[in-house]
N, C-alpha and C. Protein backbone atom coordinates (compact mmCIF):
# COMPACT_ATOMS: atom_id res chain seq x y z
N LEU A 1 -21.76 3.61 8.76
CA LEU A 1 -20.70 3.63 7.71
C LEU A 1 -19.81 4.08 7.81
N VAL A 2 -18.35 3.35 7.79
CA VAL A 2 -17.10 3.90 8.40
C VAL A 2 -15.92 4.25 7.21
N VAL A 3 -15.58 5.30 7.07
CA VAL A 3 -14.77 5.50 6.35
C VAL A 3 -13.35 5.66 6.65
N ILE A 4 -12.31 5.25 5.65
CA ILE A 4 -10.71 5.08 6.11
C ILE A 4 -10.23 5.92 5.06
N LEU A 5 -9.32 6.80 5.53
CA LEU A 5 -8.86 7.64 4.19
C LEU A 5 -7.29 7.74 4.78
N GLY A 6 -6.71 8.02 3.85
CA GLY A 6 -5.08 8.48 4.33
C GLY A 6 -4.44 8.44 3.10
N ALA A 7 -2.88 8.47 3.46
CA ALA A 7 -1.77 8.72 2.52
C ALA A 7 -1.58 7.35 1.86
N THR A 8 -0.91 7.21 0.68
CA THR A 8 -0.67 5.85 0.10
C THR A 8 0.16 5.05 1.35
N GLY A 9 0.19 4.11 0.86
CA GLY A 9 1.15 3.20 2.33
C GLY A 9 0.87 3.49 3.76
N ALA A 10 -0.46 3.84 4.19
CA ALA A 10 -0.44 4.38 5.54
C ALA A 10 -1.07 3.19 6.15
N GLY A 11 -1.67 2.26 5.42
CA GLY A 11 -2.34 0.90 6.31
C GLY A 11 -3.71 1.01 6.25
N LYS A 12 -4.38 1.67 5.15
CA LYS A 12 -5.90 1.66 5.11
C LYS A 12 -6.37 0.28 4.84
N SER A 13 -5.74 -0.40 4.02
CA SER A 13 -6.49 -1.83 3.64
C SER A 13 -6.41 -2.72 4.73
N LYS A 14 -5.06 -2.85 5.50
CA LYS A 14 -4.83 -3.60 6.71
C LYS A 14 -5.87 -3.15 7.57
N LEU A 15 -6.23 -2.12 7.87
CA LEU A 15 -6.96 -1.74 9.24
C LEU A 15 -8.50 -1.71 8.81
N SER A 16 -8.68 -1.66 7.40
CA SER A 16 -10.14 -1.93 6.96
C SER A 16 -10.58 -3.53 7.13
N VAL A 17 -9.43 -4.15 6.87
CA VAL A 17 -9.30 -5.94 6.94
C VAL A 17 -9.51 -6.30 8.77
N ASP A 18 -8.56 -5.85 9.26
CA ASP A 18 -8.70 -5.77 10.76
C ASP A 18 -10.41 -5.56 11.61
N LEU A 19 -10.60 -4.54 10.98
CA LEU A 19 -11.88 -3.88 11.29
C LEU A 19 -13.32 -4.99 10.79
N GLY A 20 -12.95 -5.65 9.50
CA GLY A 20 -13.88 -6.19 8.58
C GLY A 20 -14.02 -7.81 9.38
N THR A 21 -12.84 -8.31 10.08
CA THR A 21 -12.85 -9.30 10.62
C THR A 21 -13.34 -9.39 12.05
N ARG A 22 -13.59 -8.15 12.62
CA ARG A 22 -14.20 -8.35 14.19
C ARG A 22 -15.48 -7.78 13.99
N PHE A 23 -16.32 -7.18 13.14
CA PHE A 23 -17.55 -6.46 12.96
C PHE A 23 -17.83 -7.29 11.60
N PRO A 24 -19.13 -7.69 11.77
CA PRO A 24 -19.52 -7.74 10.27
C PRO A 24 -19.54 -6.84 9.20
N SER A 25 -18.87 -6.75 8.21
CA SER A 25 -18.74 -5.55 7.33
C SER A 25 -18.31 -5.95 5.90
N GLU A 26 -18.40 -5.17 4.87
CA GLU A 26 -17.73 -5.34 3.56
C GLU A 26 -17.08 -4.15 3.61
N ILE A 27 -16.61 -4.22 2.28
CA ILE A 27 -15.32 -3.01 1.99
C ILE A 27 -15.84 -2.59 0.83
N ILE A 28 -15.99 -1.11 0.74
CA ILE A 28 -16.31 -0.60 -0.81
C ILE A 28 -14.74 0.08 -1.01
N ASN A 29 -14.19 -0.30 -2.28
CA ASN A 29 -13.04 0.27 -2.57
C ASN A 29 -13.42 1.72 -3.08
N SER A 30 -12.32 3.10 -2.97
CA SER A 30 -12.65 4.25 -3.37
C SER A 30 -11.48 4.72 -4.18
N ASP A 31 -10.52 3.74 -4.33
CA ASP A 31 -9.14 4.32 -5.01
C ASP A 31 -9.54 4.22 -6.37
N LYS A 32 -9.57 5.55 -7.17
CA LYS A 32 -10.02 5.91 -8.47
C LYS A 32 -9.27 4.76 -9.86
N ILE A 33 -8.09 4.31 -9.03
CA ILE A 33 -7.33 3.53 -10.25
C ILE A 33 -7.30 1.89 -9.98
N GLN A 34 -7.76 1.59 -8.54
CA GLN A 34 -7.77 0.24 -8.73
C GLN A 34 -9.03 -0.07 -9.02
N VAL A 35 -10.04 0.51 -9.47
CA VAL A 35 -11.67 -0.16 -10.20
C VAL A 35 -10.96 -0.40 -11.38
N TYR A 36 -9.92 -0.49 -12.21
CA TYR A 36 -9.86 -0.75 -13.33
C TYR A 36 -9.13 -2.31 -13.52
N GLU A 37 -9.61 -2.81 -14.23
CA GLU A 37 -8.90 -4.35 -14.11
C GLU A 37 -7.49 -4.38 -14.81
N GLY A 38 -6.76 -5.42 -14.11
CA GLY A 38 -5.39 -5.71 -14.74
C GLY A 38 -4.38 -4.66 -14.40
N LEU A 39 -4.49 -3.68 -13.13
CA LEU A 39 -3.66 -2.75 -12.36
C LEU A 39 -3.20 -3.23 -11.11
N GLU A 40 -3.65 -4.54 -10.60
CA GLU A 40 -3.16 -5.05 -9.60
C GLU A 40 -2.18 -4.56 -8.74
N ILE A 41 -1.06 -4.98 -9.66
CA ILE A 41 0.30 -4.89 -9.31
C ILE A 41 0.51 -2.94 -9.23
N THR A 42 0.46 -2.86 -10.30
CA THR A 42 0.47 -1.52 -10.61
C THR A 42 -0.14 -0.48 -9.44
N THR A 43 -1.54 -0.81 -8.84
CA THR A 43 -2.09 0.14 -7.94
C THR A 43 -1.76 -0.38 -6.62
N ASN A 44 -0.85 -1.64 -6.20
CA ASN A 44 -0.87 -2.64 -5.18
C ASN A 44 -2.14 -2.54 -4.23
N GLN A 45 -3.22 -3.14 -5.36
CA GLN A 45 -4.18 -3.76 -4.65
C GLN A 45 -4.14 -4.88 -3.83
N ILE A 46 -5.18 -4.93 -2.79
CA ILE A 46 -5.14 -6.02 -1.65
C ILE A 46 -5.54 -7.48 -2.35
N THR A 47 -4.45 -8.40 -2.25
CA THR A 47 -4.71 -9.49 -2.49
C THR A 47 -6.08 -10.11 -1.95
N ILE A 48 -6.33 -11.66 -2.87
CA ILE A 48 -7.47 -12.18 -2.10
C ILE A 48 -7.08 -12.75 -0.54
N PRO A 49 -5.67 -13.23 -0.45
CA PRO A 49 -5.51 -13.89 0.81
C PRO A 49 -5.68 -12.77 2.04
N GLU A 50 -4.84 -11.52 1.53
CA GLU A 50 -4.86 -10.51 2.34
C GLU A 50 -6.36 -10.20 2.92
N ARG A 51 -7.20 -9.87 2.16
CA ARG A 51 -8.91 -9.68 2.41
C ARG A 51 -8.81 -10.91 3.68
N ARG A 52 -8.47 -12.04 3.63
CA ARG A 52 -8.85 -12.83 5.17
C ARG A 52 -10.61 -12.87 4.99
N GLY A 53 -11.17 -12.94 3.60
CA GLY A 53 -12.41 -13.49 4.03
C GLY A 53 -13.48 -12.54 3.76
N VAL A 54 -12.89 -11.13 4.18
CA VAL A 54 -13.70 -9.88 4.29
C VAL A 54 -14.27 -9.48 2.87
N PRO A 55 -15.76 -9.48 2.39
CA PRO A 55 -15.72 -8.82 0.92
C PRO A 55 -15.40 -7.57 0.66
N HIS A 56 -14.93 -7.74 -0.35
CA HIS A 56 -14.50 -6.21 -0.96
C HIS A 56 -15.01 -5.97 -2.41
N HIS A 57 -15.34 -4.89 -2.48
CA HIS A 57 -16.24 -4.11 -3.74
C HIS A 57 -15.46 -3.40 -4.54
N LEU A 58 -15.71 -3.17 -5.57
CA LEU A 58 -15.18 -2.25 -6.72
C LEU A 58 -13.68 -2.04 -6.72
N LEU A 59 -13.61 -3.08 -7.06
CA LEU A 59 -11.95 -3.69 -7.34
C LEU A 59 -11.75 -4.33 -8.13
N GLY A 60 -11.02 -3.83 -9.29
CA GLY A 60 -10.87 -4.54 -10.92
C GLY A 60 -11.88 -4.73 -11.69
N TYR A 61 -13.06 -4.05 -11.48
CA TYR A 61 -14.13 -4.59 -12.06
C TYR A 61 -14.46 -3.64 -13.65
N ILE A 62 -13.53 -2.59 -13.89
CA ILE A 62 -13.84 -1.91 -14.83
C ILE A 62 -12.56 -2.35 -16.21
N PRO A 63 -13.10 -2.87 -17.34
CA PRO A 63 -12.16 -2.91 -18.16
C PRO A 63 -11.45 -1.54 -18.50
N PRO A 64 -10.09 -1.28 -18.65
CA PRO A 64 -9.07 0.00 -19.19
C PRO A 64 -10.09 0.58 -20.39
N GLU A 65 -10.34 -0.34 -21.77
CA GLU A 65 -10.89 -0.14 -22.79
C GLU A 65 -12.38 0.58 -22.62
N ASP A 66 -13.09 0.53 -21.50
CA ASP A 66 -14.21 1.02 -21.49
C ASP A 66 -14.19 2.54 -21.26
N GLY A 67 -12.68 3.03 -20.77
CA GLY A 67 -12.61 4.62 -20.60
C GLY A 67 -12.62 4.98 -18.89
N GLU A 68 -12.82 6.13 -18.79
CA GLU A 68 -12.27 6.76 -17.25
C GLU A 68 -14.18 6.52 -16.47
N LEU A 69 -13.77 5.81 -15.42
CA LEU A 69 -15.04 6.28 -14.43
C LEU A 69 -14.93 7.73 -13.88
N THR A 70 -16.30 8.44 -14.25
CA THR A 70 -16.38 9.64 -13.78
C THR A 70 -16.78 9.57 -11.95
N ALA A 71 -16.78 10.54 -11.44
CA ALA A 71 -17.31 10.56 -10.04
C ALA A 71 -18.82 10.34 -10.06
N GLY A 72 -19.30 10.75 -10.99
CA GLY A 72 -21.05 10.36 -11.25
C GLY A 72 -21.05 8.86 -11.33
N ASP A 73 -20.26 7.97 -12.04
CA ASP A 73 -20.51 6.81 -12.25
C ASP A 73 -20.01 6.02 -11.28
N PHE A 74 -18.65 6.70 -10.42
CA PHE A 74 -18.23 5.80 -8.92
C PHE A 74 -19.35 5.86 -7.90
N ARG A 75 -20.21 7.47 -7.91
CA ARG A 75 -21.16 7.50 -6.88
C ARG A 75 -22.29 6.59 -7.40
N ILE A 76 -22.83 6.29 -8.22
CA ILE A 76 -23.87 5.61 -8.74
C ILE A 76 -23.41 3.72 -8.17
N ALA A 77 -22.09 3.64 -8.73
CA ALA A 77 -21.70 2.05 -8.00
C ALA A 77 -21.41 2.04 -6.86
N ALA A 78 -21.05 3.10 -6.02
CA ALA A 78 -20.97 2.66 -4.56
C ALA A 78 -22.50 2.78 -4.05
N SER A 79 -23.42 3.64 -4.64
CA SER A 79 -24.65 3.48 -3.86
C SER A 79 -25.30 2.20 -4.09
N ASN A 80 -25.02 1.61 -5.06
CA ASN A 80 -25.60 0.57 -5.74
C ASN A 80 -24.98 -0.57 -4.65
N THR A 81 -23.97 -0.46 -4.37
CA THR A 81 -23.23 -1.76 -3.78
C THR A 81 -23.64 -1.46 -2.13
N ILE A 82 -23.63 -0.14 -1.82
CA ILE A 82 -24.30 -0.08 -0.49
C ILE A 82 -25.52 -0.53 -0.20
N SER A 83 -26.38 -0.34 -1.24
CA SER A 83 -27.76 -0.97 -1.11
C SER A 83 -28.08 -2.39 -0.85
N ASP A 84 -27.04 -3.01 -2.00
CA ASP A 84 -27.46 -4.58 -1.91
C ASP A 84 -27.00 -5.17 -0.63
């Protein structure tokens, strides 16, 4: 498990995709706002073409009307994604 973290605009998404194209891997989003549907532009979410075929998880999958994603909810979702 490789964790990439840093400030907004530091190039984390590009680095993760660069690594994902060199090694068999998948990316699990941990941005607490990018998990919500419809906020792609607001959160500068990585686009499908920018993903270059590297699978991404936990991006835009929660309708905002479902309420806030708690840390516990994220832990469960991330753990399930890793297990799959």
